Amino acid sequence: MSDSANSPAQAVDSARDDGDSFSLFDAEREVLREADVMVGKLEDVGQGVRRLAEAYRRSFRELQRMVRLSDRMQLELHQANKRLAEQADHLTELNHALENEIAARTRLTEELEHLVRHDALTGAFSRAHLLELAERERVRAARAGTPLACILMDLDHFKQINDTYGHASGDVVLRRFVRLCRESLREVDVFGRLGGEEFAAFLPDTDAAGAREVAERIRERLAGETIETPDGRPMKATVTLGLSIDTGRQTGIEQLLSRADNRLYEAKNAGRNRIAGPD
C-alpha cells in the first residue's frame, strides 16, 4: 500500500486537525434538508394546482350558468318566434278577411251604384242618372257649338196593355222596347227611363233631320213587332215620340225636355203612334 493513501482513521484525525466537525449523519441531514426543500416546493406546486383547480371549478360553474342562460334564452327565443309565427299567420288571416271584406263592400257599392243609376226592370238608365248624363252632353254641345237632340217617347195605351194582358206582359213590353231602342241608338247616345212607360234619348251632334230619322226607326220597329206574353199570347204595342233640338240657347236639360214634352202631347192629340217636332 502506498504511503500517500490515508486510512479512515487518518481522514477523521485530519478533519479534526482542520477544526471541522464531522458526523456520520451529515449526509442524511442534507438529504432530509433537500427533501424538506422539495416538499416545500411540492406544497407550493400543490397550492398552485389547488388554486388552478378552484379557478377551473369557478370557470366551469360560470360556463354551466352561461349554458343554462343560453338554453333559457334559446327556449325563450324559440317561444317568441313561435308566437310571432302564430301572430303572422293570424295577421295573414285577418288580411285575407279584410281583403274579402273590401272586395265584398266594393261589389256591394258597385251593385248599389248600378241600382241607383239603372232601372231595375229594364236595365236602362234611371231618371236621375239619365238627366245627369244628359246635362253633361248639353254643356259639352254648347261648348263645341254642336246640336243636341232630345227624343221623348211614351208607349201608347200602356195601361190598357196591363189591364188586358197583365202586368207581367207589360213588363215584357217595357224590356222589349228598351232593347229595341238600344239597337237603334249609337253608343254615344244617352238613353233611359223617366218613369212608367216614358223614356228619353239624348243624341249628341245630331240635327233635326237626324233626330227624326232615329225616331222614325224606333217607331216603325216597335209597330212592326209582335210581342209574346208570358203565357204565349201575341200582342202589339206602339209609341208616340216628341222631338226637340238644343242649339245652345237652352239654359238646362229640363227646358229641352219640356219642349220635347210639348211636341209629344201634340203627337198624342193627333192620334198617337206618330212623331211631332222638332221645333
Protein backbone atom coordinates (compact mmCIF):
# COMPACT_ATOMS: atom_id res chain seq x y z
CA MET A 1 0.00 0.00 0.00
CA SER A 2 1.34 3.43 -0.82
CA ASP A 3 2.31 5.89 1.84
CA SER A 4 0.16 8.56 0.29
CA ALA A 5 -3.00 6.54 0.99
CA ASN A 6 -4.75 7.52 4.22
CA SER A 7 -6.86 5.20 6.29
CA PRO A 8 -10.35 6.21 7.50
CA ALA A 9 -8.98 6.86 10.87
CA GLN A 10 -6.33 9.15 9.48
CA ALA A 11 -9.07 11.04 7.50
CA VAL A 12 -11.06 11.58 10.67
CA ASP A 13 -7.96 12.72 12.51
CA SER A 14 -7.14 15.07 9.65
CA ALA A 15 -10.63 16.60 9.71
CA ARG A 16 -10.42 17.08 13.37
CA ASP A 17 -6.98 18.69 12.99
CA ASP A 18 -8.60 21.11 10.47
CA GLY A 19 -11.16 22.17 13.06
CA ASP A 20 -14.26 20.81 11.12
CA SER A 21 -16.94 18.85 12.96
CA PHE A 22 -17.85 15.52 11.48
CA SER A 23 -20.90 13.30 11.91
CA LEU A 24 -21.91 10.05 10.31
CA PHE A 25 -25.47 11.60 9.78
CA ASP A 26 -24.41 14.72 7.89
CA ALA A 27 -25.31 13.16 4.57
CA GLU A 28 -28.72 12.06 5.88
CA ARG A 29 -29.31 15.53 7.27
CA GLU A 30 -28.51 17.02 3.88
CA VAL A 31 -30.85 14.59 2.22
CA LEU A 32 -33.58 15.48 4.71
CA ARG A 33 -32.91 19.16 4.24
CA GLU A 34 -33.15 18.82 0.49
CA ALA A 35 -36.26 16.69 0.96
CA ASP A 36 -37.77 19.46 3.10
CA VAL A 37 -36.98 21.93 0.31
CA MET A 38 -38.54 19.65 -2.22
CA VAL A 39 -41.59 19.12 -0.01
CA GLY A 40 -41.94 22.88 0.32
CA LYS A 41 -41.74 23.23 -3.43
CA LEU A 42 -44.27 20.44 -3.81
CA GLU A 43 -46.55 22.24 -1.38
CA ASP A 44 -46.15 25.40 -3.47
CA VAL A 45 -46.95 23.39 -6.57
CA GLY A 46 -49.89 21.80 -4.75
CA GLN A 47 -51.16 25.22 -3.75
CA GLY A 48 -50.84 26.33 -7.35
CA VAL A 49 -52.66 23.21 -8.51
CA ARG A 50 -55.40 23.80 -5.93
CA ARG A 51 -55.74 27.41 -7.00
CA LEU A 52 -55.88 26.31 -10.63
CA ALA A 53 -58.44 23.66 -9.77
CA GLU A 54 -60.55 26.24 -7.90
CA ALA A 55 -60.30 28.64 -10.80
CA TYR A 56 -61.29 25.82 -13.11
CA ARG A 57 -64.25 24.99 -10.88
CA ARG A 58 -65.33 28.62 -10.85
CA SER A 59 -64.91 28.79 -14.60
CA PHE A 60 -66.84 25.55 -15.03
CA ARG A 61 -69.67 26.80 -12.79
CA GLU A 62 -69.78 30.06 -14.76
CA LEU A 63 -69.78 28.09 -18.00
CA GLN A 64 -72.64 25.97 -16.69
CA ARG A 65 -74.51 29.12 -15.69
CA MET A 66 -73.90 30.64 -19.13
CA VAL A 67 -75.00 27.42 -20.83
CA ARG A 68 -78.19 27.34 -18.74
CA LEU A 69 -78.76 31.02 -19.51
CA SER A 70 -78.12 30.38 -23.19
CA ASP A 71 -80.52 27.42 -23.16
CA ARG A 72 -83.17 29.53 -21.44
CA MET A 73 -82.64 32.36 -23.91
CA GLN A 74 -82.80 29.90 -26.83
CA LEU A 75 -86.05 28.50 -25.44
CA GLU A 76 -87.49 31.96 -24.93
CA LEU A 77 -86.37 32.95 -28.42
CA HIS A 78 -87.95 29.81 -29.87
CA GLN A 79 -91.17 30.51 -27.99
CA ALA A 80 -91.10 34.15 -29.12
CA ASN A 81 -90.53 33.08 -32.72
CA LYS A 82 -93.40 30.62 -32.41
CA ARG A 83 -95.66 33.36 -31.06
CA LEU A 84 -94.55 35.70 -33.82
CA ALA A 85 -95.24 32.99 -36.41
CA GLU A 86 -98.70 32.43 -34.94
CA GLN A 87 -99.33 36.19 -34.92
CA ALA A 88 -98.09 36.42 -38.52
CA ASP A 89 -100.48 33.62 -39.50
CA HIS A 90 -103.28 35.40 -37.67
CA LEU A 91 -102.42 38.69 -39.38
CA THR A 92 -102.40 36.88 -42.73
CA GLU A 93 -105.86 35.51 -41.98
CA LEU A 94 -107.01 38.99 -40.93
CA ASN A 95 -105.55 40.48 -44.12
CA HIS A 96 -107.35 37.88 -46.22
CA ALA A 97 -110.57 38.55 -44.31
CA LEU A 98 -110.05 42.29 -44.75
CA GLU A 99 -109.39 41.86 -48.47
CA ASN A 100 -112.53 39.76 -48.79
CA GLU A 101 -114.49 42.36 -46.83
CA ILE A 102 -113.17 45.17 -49.03
CA ALA A 103 -113.98 43.16 -52.15
CA ALA A 104 -117.48 42.43 -50.83
CA ARG A 105 -118.02 46.10 -49.96
CA THR A 106 -116.70 47.11 -53.38
CA ARG A 107 -119.11 44.71 -55.07
CA LEU A 108 -121.95 45.96 -52.88
CA THR A 109 -121.06 49.57 -53.67
CA GLU A 110 -120.97 48.78 -57.38
CA GLU A 111 -124.30 46.98 -57.12
CA LEU A 112 -125.82 49.90 -55.22
CA GLU A 113 -124.42 52.35 -57.76
CA HIS A 114 -125.84 50.19 -60.55
CA LEU A 115 -129.24 50.14 -58.83
CA VAL A 116 -129.13 53.91 -58.39
CA ARG A 117 -128.05 54.52 -61.98
CA HIS A 118 -130.18 51.88 -63.68
CA ASP A 119 -133.83 50.98 -63.81
CA ALA A 120 -134.30 47.65 -62.04
CA LEU A 121 -136.85 46.29 -64.52
CA THR A 122 -135.39 47.27 -67.88
CA GLY A 123 -131.71 47.96 -67.16
CA ALA A 124 -131.99 51.39 -68.81
CA PHE A 125 -130.51 54.43 -67.06
CA SER A 126 -132.63 55.73 -64.17
CA ARG A 127 -134.22 59.16 -64.44
CA ALA A 128 -131.66 60.85 -62.17
CA HIS A 129 -128.63 59.33 -63.91
CA LEU A 130 -130.13 59.94 -67.35
CA LEU A 131 -130.63 63.63 -66.64
CA GLU A 132 -127.17 63.92 -65.11
CA LEU A 133 -125.53 62.45 -68.24
CA ALA A 134 -127.79 64.49 -70.49
CA GLU A 135 -126.77 67.73 -68.77
CA ARG A 136 -123.10 66.86 -69.32
CA GLU A 137 -123.84 66.35 -73.01
CA ARG A 138 -125.71 69.65 -73.16
CA VAL A 139 -122.77 71.55 -71.65
CA ARG A 140 -120.35 69.77 -73.99
CA ALA A 141 -122.53 70.55 -77.03
CA ALA A 142 -122.85 74.23 -76.04
CA ARG A 143 -119.07 74.47 -75.65
CA ALA A 144 -118.46 72.82 -79.01
CA GLY A 145 -121.26 74.68 -80.78
CA THR A 146 -122.95 71.42 -81.92
CA PRO A 147 -126.64 70.45 -81.67
CA LEU A 148 -128.07 68.08 -79.08
CA ALA A 149 -131.29 66.27 -79.96
CA CYS A 150 -133.84 65.05 -77.42
CA ILE A 151 -136.34 62.28 -78.23
CA LEU A 152 -139.12 61.85 -75.67
CA MET A 153 -141.05 58.57 -76.02
CA ASP A 154 -144.27 57.33 -74.46
CA LEU A 155 -145.76 53.88 -75.06
CA ASP A 156 -149.33 54.13 -76.29
CA HIS A 157 -152.21 52.80 -74.20
CA PHE A 158 -149.84 51.09 -71.81
CA LYS A 159 -152.48 50.89 -69.05
CA GLN A 160 -154.70 49.04 -71.44
CA ILE A 161 -151.89 46.51 -72.13
CA ASN A 162 -151.53 45.88 -68.38
CA ASP A 163 -155.30 45.56 -67.93
CA THR A 164 -155.71 43.24 -70.91
CA TYR A 165 -152.65 41.03 -70.71
CA GLY A 166 -151.45 41.54 -67.13
CA HIS A 167 -148.59 43.47 -65.57
CA ALA A 168 -146.10 40.70 -66.37
CA SER A 169 -146.92 41.23 -70.05
CA GLY A 170 -146.50 44.98 -69.59
CA ASP A 171 -143.03 44.30 -68.19
CA VAL A 172 -142.23 42.23 -71.27
CA VAL A 173 -143.25 45.19 -73.49
CA LEU A 174 -141.04 47.58 -71.49
CA ARG A 175 -138.00 45.31 -71.71
CA ARG A 176 -138.55 44.64 -75.44
CA PHE A 177 -138.88 48.37 -76.11
CA VAL A 178 -135.64 49.13 -74.24
CA ARG A 179 -133.77 46.50 -76.24
CA LEU A 180 -135.21 47.88 -79.47
CA CYS A 181 -134.12 51.43 -78.58
CA ARG A 182 -130.60 50.33 -77.71
CA GLU A 183 -130.33 48.58 -81.06
CA SER A 184 -131.50 51.75 -82.81
CA LEU A 185 -129.24 54.20 -80.95
CA ARG A 186 -125.49 54.82 -81.04
CA GLU A 187 -123.13 54.13 -78.15
CA VAL A 188 -122.65 57.87 -77.66
CA ASP A 189 -126.37 58.44 -77.29
CA VAL A 190 -127.79 58.65 -73.75
CA PHE A 191 -130.96 56.65 -73.15
CA GLY A 192 -133.02 55.96 -70.05
CA ARG A 193 -136.39 55.51 -68.39
CA LEU A 194 -138.01 58.62 -66.97
CA GLY A 195 -140.73 56.65 -65.24
CA GLY A 196 -143.66 54.36 -66.02
CA GLU A 197 -143.87 53.95 -69.81
CA GLU A 198 -141.97 57.15 -70.59
CA PHE A 199 -138.42 57.12 -71.95
CA ALA A 200 -135.96 59.67 -73.33
CA ALA A 201 -132.88 59.65 -75.53
CA PHE A 202 -130.33 62.45 -75.97
CA LEU A 203 -128.35 62.37 -79.20
CA PRO A 204 -125.11 64.43 -79.29
CA ASP A 205 -124.13 66.18 -82.52
CA THR A 206 -127.50 65.36 -84.12
CA ASP A 207 -129.65 67.86 -86.03
CA ALA A 208 -133.42 67.83 -86.62
CA ALA A 209 -133.27 65.56 -89.67
CA GLY A 210 -131.03 63.05 -87.90
CA ALA A 211 -133.23 63.02 -84.79
CA ARG A 212 -136.38 62.46 -86.85
CA GLU A 213 -134.73 59.59 -88.75
CA VAL A 214 -133.81 57.82 -85.49
CA ALA A 215 -137.27 58.46 -84.01
CA GLU A 216 -138.98 57.05 -87.09
CA ARG A 217 -136.79 53.96 -87.00
CA ILE A 218 -137.78 53.31 -83.38
CA ARG A 219 -141.48 53.90 -84.09
CA GLU A 220 -141.53 51.62 -87.13
CA ARG A 221 -139.64 48.80 -85.43
CA LEU A 222 -141.96 48.69 -82.42
CA ALA A 223 -145.09 48.92 -84.56
CA GLY A 224 -143.82 46.04 -86.67
CA GLU A 225 -143.04 43.79 -83.69
CA THR A 226 -145.31 41.03 -82.43
CA ILE A 227 -144.59 40.59 -78.75
CA GLU A 228 -145.44 37.36 -76.98
CA THR A 229 -146.91 37.43 -73.49
CA PRO A 230 -145.55 35.10 -70.77
CA ASP A 231 -148.49 32.76 -71.41
CA GLY A 232 -147.86 32.69 -75.18
CA ARG A 233 -150.42 35.20 -76.46
CA PRO A 234 -149.35 37.66 -79.19
CA MET A 235 -149.75 41.37 -78.59
CA LYS A 236 -148.85 44.65 -80.31
CA ALA A 237 -147.52 47.95 -78.96
CA THR A 238 -146.87 51.39 -80.43
CA VAL A 239 -145.04 54.52 -79.28
CA THR A 240 -145.52 58.26 -79.67
CA LEU A 241 -142.42 60.50 -79.83
CA GLY A 242 -141.76 64.20 -79.35
CA LEU A 243 -138.51 65.85 -80.53
CA SER A 244 -136.58 68.97 -79.62
CA ILE A 245 -133.16 70.33 -80.55
CA ASP A 246 -130.80 72.32 -78.36
CA THR A 247 -128.62 74.65 -80.39
CA GLY A 248 -127.03 76.24 -77.36
CA ARG A 249 -129.95 78.50 -76.42
CA GLN A 250 -131.37 76.39 -73.59
CA THR A 251 -130.17 77.00 -70.07
CA GLY A 252 -130.72 73.43 -68.82
CA ILE A 253 -131.74 69.95 -69.81
CA GLU A 254 -135.20 70.33 -68.23
CA GLN A 255 -136.01 73.08 -70.73
CA LEU A 256 -135.04 70.79 -73.60
CA LEU A 257 -137.22 68.03 -72.15
CA SER A 258 -140.13 70.40 -71.67
CA ARG A 259 -140.10 71.39 -75.33
CA ALA A 260 -139.94 67.71 -76.36
CA ASP A 261 -142.84 67.01 -73.99
CA ASN A 262 -144.93 69.69 -75.71
CA ARG A 263 -144.26 68.01 -79.08
CA LEU A 264 -145.12 64.62 -77.57
CA TYR A 265 -148.58 65.76 -76.49
CA GLU A 266 -149.17 67.29 -79.90
CA ALA A 267 -148.47 63.88 -81.42
CA LYS A 268 -150.75 62.14 -78.92
CA ASN A 269 -153.54 64.56 -79.64
CA ALA A 270 -153.03 63.90 -83.34
CA GLY A 271 -153.73 60.17 -82.88
CA ARG A 272 -150.63 58.53 -81.28
CA ASN A 273 -148.10 56.19 -82.95
CA ARG A 274 -146.51 59.19 -84.58
CA ILE A 275 -143.75 61.80 -84.24
CA ALA A 276 -144.01 65.54 -83.59
CA GLY A 277 -141.22 68.06 -83.79
CA PRO A 278 -138.57 69.13 -83.61
CA ASP A 279 -139.29 72.86 -83.43
